[in-house]
Amino acid sequence: MIIQLTGNVRYQITLDPSTWIFDDRKIVLEDLLSHGEDSEEITFNDESEWNRQIIEGETKPPTLKSEKKFKKRELLESSFVISLAPFLEYAEAYEDENAKIVFVHNDGETELLYKDRETFYAHFSNKGKRLHEDGLFDLLVVGEDGIEKERLVYVTKIEFQ
């Protein structure tokens, strides 16, 4: 099932949560809620020829086969979320930062502020399976500290006001 971003927006965007599993912007739910404790960034500071070749894609790193295998296993076993901020920004709200977004879900309607969009995540996959039978998602509102503040179960509509 798809969800359309409607209301007071310049562009009505259509979201298809079933395609997010293939989106590189997805995040493992446990990583999002881990409070950023073990966030170690891998960088290539030296200008070694072999690093340059790997980064630019001239050669395949020796771990490429095992990385693909691990990635497939991760897709089948992990729970994923994706940030809704880019999608909400693409719609271009007429009210800019003052806009309000109404999320229609199982328990009714919840109004959230557009300016808080960086804290909105769509939880669409649980242990490698769709979260809901028809492919819809739950909305997580996650604080800067990585703690889940609010969960809206089974979002069916998103409307800007």
Protein backbone atom coordinates (compact mmCIF):
# COMPACT_ATOMS: atom_id res chain seq x y z
CA MET A 1 0.00 0.00 0.00
CA ILE A 2 1.21 3.50 -0.74
CA ILE A 3 0.81 6.72 1.21
CA GLN A 4 0.55 10.15 -0.37
CA LEU A 5 1.86 13.33 1.26
CA THR A 6 -1.03 15.72 0.72
CA GLY A 7 -2.34 19.03 1.95
CA ASN A 8 -0.62 22.39 1.97
CA VAL A 9 2.42 21.31 -0.09
CA ARG A 10 3.90 22.31 -3.42
CA TYR A 11 4.42 18.67 -4.53
CA GLN A 12 2.26 15.73 -3.51
CA ILE A 13 4.77 12.93 -2.93
CA THR A 14 3.81 9.25 -3.00
CA LEU A 15 5.59 6.95 -0.55
CA ASP A 16 5.89 3.22 -1.17
CA PRO A 17 7.26 1.63 2.03
CA SER A 18 7.80 -1.71 0.28
CA THR A 19 10.72 -0.21 -1.67
CA TRP A 20 12.56 1.16 1.37
CA ILE A 21 14.29 -2.17 2.03
CA PHE A 22 16.40 -1.43 -1.08
CA ASP A 23 17.09 2.18 -0.08
CA ASP A 24 20.63 2.86 1.17
CA ARG A 25 19.28 5.48 3.59
CA LYS A 26 17.64 2.84 5.78
CA ILE A 27 19.00 2.41 9.30
CA VAL A 28 19.01 -0.63 11.56
CA LEU A 29 16.54 0.14 14.35
CA GLU A 30 18.93 -0.97 17.09
CA ASP A 31 21.62 1.39 15.74
CA LEU A 32 19.20 4.33 15.84
CA LEU A 33 18.17 3.62 19.41
CA SER A 34 21.68 2.81 20.66
CA HIS A 35 22.32 6.42 21.71
CA GLY A 36 25.31 6.65 19.35
CA GLU A 37 27.64 4.96 21.84
CA ASP A 38 29.71 2.92 19.39
CA SER A 39 29.68 5.23 16.41
CA GLU A 40 33.14 4.67 15.02
CA GLU A 41 33.68 6.24 11.62
CA ILE A 42 35.97 4.55 9.13
CA THR A 43 38.06 6.96 7.11
CA PHE A 44 40.83 6.66 4.57
CA ASN A 45 43.26 9.41 5.52
CA ASP A 46 46.33 8.17 3.71
CA GLU A 47 46.68 8.52 -0.01
CA SER A 48 47.87 4.98 -0.66
CA GLU A 49 47.34 3.84 -4.21
CA TRP A 50 45.32 0.79 -3.17
CA ASN A 51 42.96 2.91 -1.03
CA ARG A 52 42.38 5.26 -3.93
CA GLN A 53 41.65 2.34 -6.24
CA ILE A 54 39.13 0.82 -3.83
CA ILE A 55 37.38 4.14 -3.16
CA GLU A 56 37.19 5.03 -6.85
CA GLY A 57 36.00 1.54 -7.75
CA GLU A 58 38.95 0.52 -9.91
CA THR A 59 39.44 -2.69 -7.91
CA LYS A 60 37.21 -4.71 -5.66
CA PRO A 61 38.23 -4.92 -2.03
CA PRO A 62 39.10 -8.47 -0.93
CA THR A 63 36.12 -8.57 1.44
CA LEU A 64 33.47 -7.71 -1.14
CA LYS A 65 32.00 -11.24 -1.36
CA SER A 66 31.69 -11.61 2.40
CA GLU A 67 30.22 -8.09 2.69
CA LYS A 68 27.48 -9.00 0.20
CA LYS A 69 26.73 -12.22 2.08
CA PHE A 70 26.57 -10.37 5.43
CA LYS A 71 24.38 -7.65 3.94
CA LYS A 72 21.89 -10.24 2.66
CA ARG A 73 21.75 -11.90 6.08
CA GLU A 74 21.28 -8.49 7.71
CA LEU A 75 18.31 -7.77 5.43
CA LEU A 76 16.69 -11.05 6.43
CA GLU A 77 17.26 -10.69 10.18
CA SER A 78 17.23 -6.99 11.10
CA SER A 79 14.59 -4.39 11.83
CA PHE A 80 14.84 -1.20 9.78
CA VAL A 81 13.71 2.41 9.89
CA ILE A 82 14.16 5.24 7.43
CA SER A 83 14.18 8.96 8.12
CA LEU A 84 11.09 10.72 6.82
CA ALA A 85 12.84 14.11 6.73
CA PRO A 86 13.98 13.95 3.07
CA PHE A 87 10.52 12.94 1.87
CA LEU A 88 8.83 15.67 3.90
CA GLU A 89 11.31 18.22 2.53
CA TYR A 90 10.75 17.10 -1.08
CA ALA A 91 7.06 17.90 -0.70
CA GLU A 92 7.95 21.57 0.08
CA ALA A 93 5.44 22.77 2.66
CA TYR A 94 3.99 26.21 1.88
CA GLU A 95 4.21 27.20 5.55
CA ASP A 96 7.92 26.27 5.69
CA GLU A 97 9.12 25.64 9.26
CA ASN A 98 5.76 26.66 10.76
CA ALA A 99 3.82 23.88 9.01
CA LYS A 100 2.02 21.19 10.93
CA ILE A 101 1.79 17.60 9.77
CA VAL A 102 -1.16 15.37 10.65
CA PHE A 103 -0.40 11.66 10.79
CA VAL A 104 -3.51 9.45 10.63
CA HIS A 105 -2.92 6.14 12.40
CA ASN A 106 -4.64 3.33 14.31
CA ASP A 107 -5.48 5.46 17.34
CA GLY A 108 -6.71 8.52 15.44
CA GLU A 109 -4.76 11.57 14.34
CA THR A 110 -1.61 13.13 15.72
CA GLU A 111 -0.37 16.59 14.78
CA LEU A 112 3.39 17.15 14.78
CA LEU A 113 5.47 20.15 13.79
CA TYR A 114 7.34 20.18 10.47
CA LYS A 115 10.37 21.77 12.14
CA ASP A 116 10.83 18.51 14.13
CA ARG A 117 11.00 16.38 10.95
CA GLU A 118 14.58 15.23 11.66
CA THR A 119 13.21 13.15 14.55
CA PHE A 120 10.59 11.29 12.43
CA TYR A 121 11.43 7.74 11.36
CA ALA A 122 9.30 5.20 9.54
CA HIS A 123 9.65 1.74 11.09
CA PHE A 124 8.81 -0.53 8.15
CA SER A 125 10.66 -3.82 8.74
CA ASN A 126 10.81 -6.12 11.75
CA LYS A 127 13.28 -9.03 11.73
CA GLY A 128 13.36 -9.18 7.96
CA LYS A 129 9.58 -9.11 7.48
CA ARG A 130 7.17 -6.31 6.71
CA LEU A 131 5.95 -4.64 9.88
CA HIS A 132 2.30 -4.75 8.74
CA GLU A 133 0.73 -7.16 6.30
CA ASP A 134 -0.18 -4.45 3.78
CA GLY A 135 3.28 -2.84 3.95
CA LEU A 136 2.42 0.27 5.97
CA PHE A 137 4.67 1.56 8.74
CA ASP A 138 4.81 2.88 12.29
CA LEU A 139 6.10 6.39 12.89
CA LEU A 140 8.82 6.71 15.53
CA VAL A 141 9.66 10.07 17.03
CA VAL A 142 13.21 9.73 18.35
CA GLY A 143 14.94 12.33 20.48
CA GLU A 144 18.50 13.54 19.99
CA ASP A 145 19.56 11.21 22.78
CA GLY A 146 18.37 8.20 20.77
CA ILE A 147 15.37 7.50 22.99
CA GLU A 148 12.02 6.72 21.37
CA LYS A 149 9.65 9.47 22.50
CA GLU A 150 6.52 8.44 20.64
CA ARG A 151 5.27 5.67 18.36
CA LEU A 152 2.28 6.06 16.06
CA VAL A 153 1.16 2.58 15.04
CA TYR A 154 -0.01 1.87 11.48
CA VAL A 155 0.22 5.24 9.72
CA THR A 156 -2.28 5.41 6.85
CA LYS A 157 -2.16 9.08 5.84
CA ILE A 158 0.16 12.09 6.05
CA GLU A 159 -1.32 15.55 5.51
CA PHE A 160 0.32 18.97 5.78
CA GLN A 161 -1.71 21.81 7.28
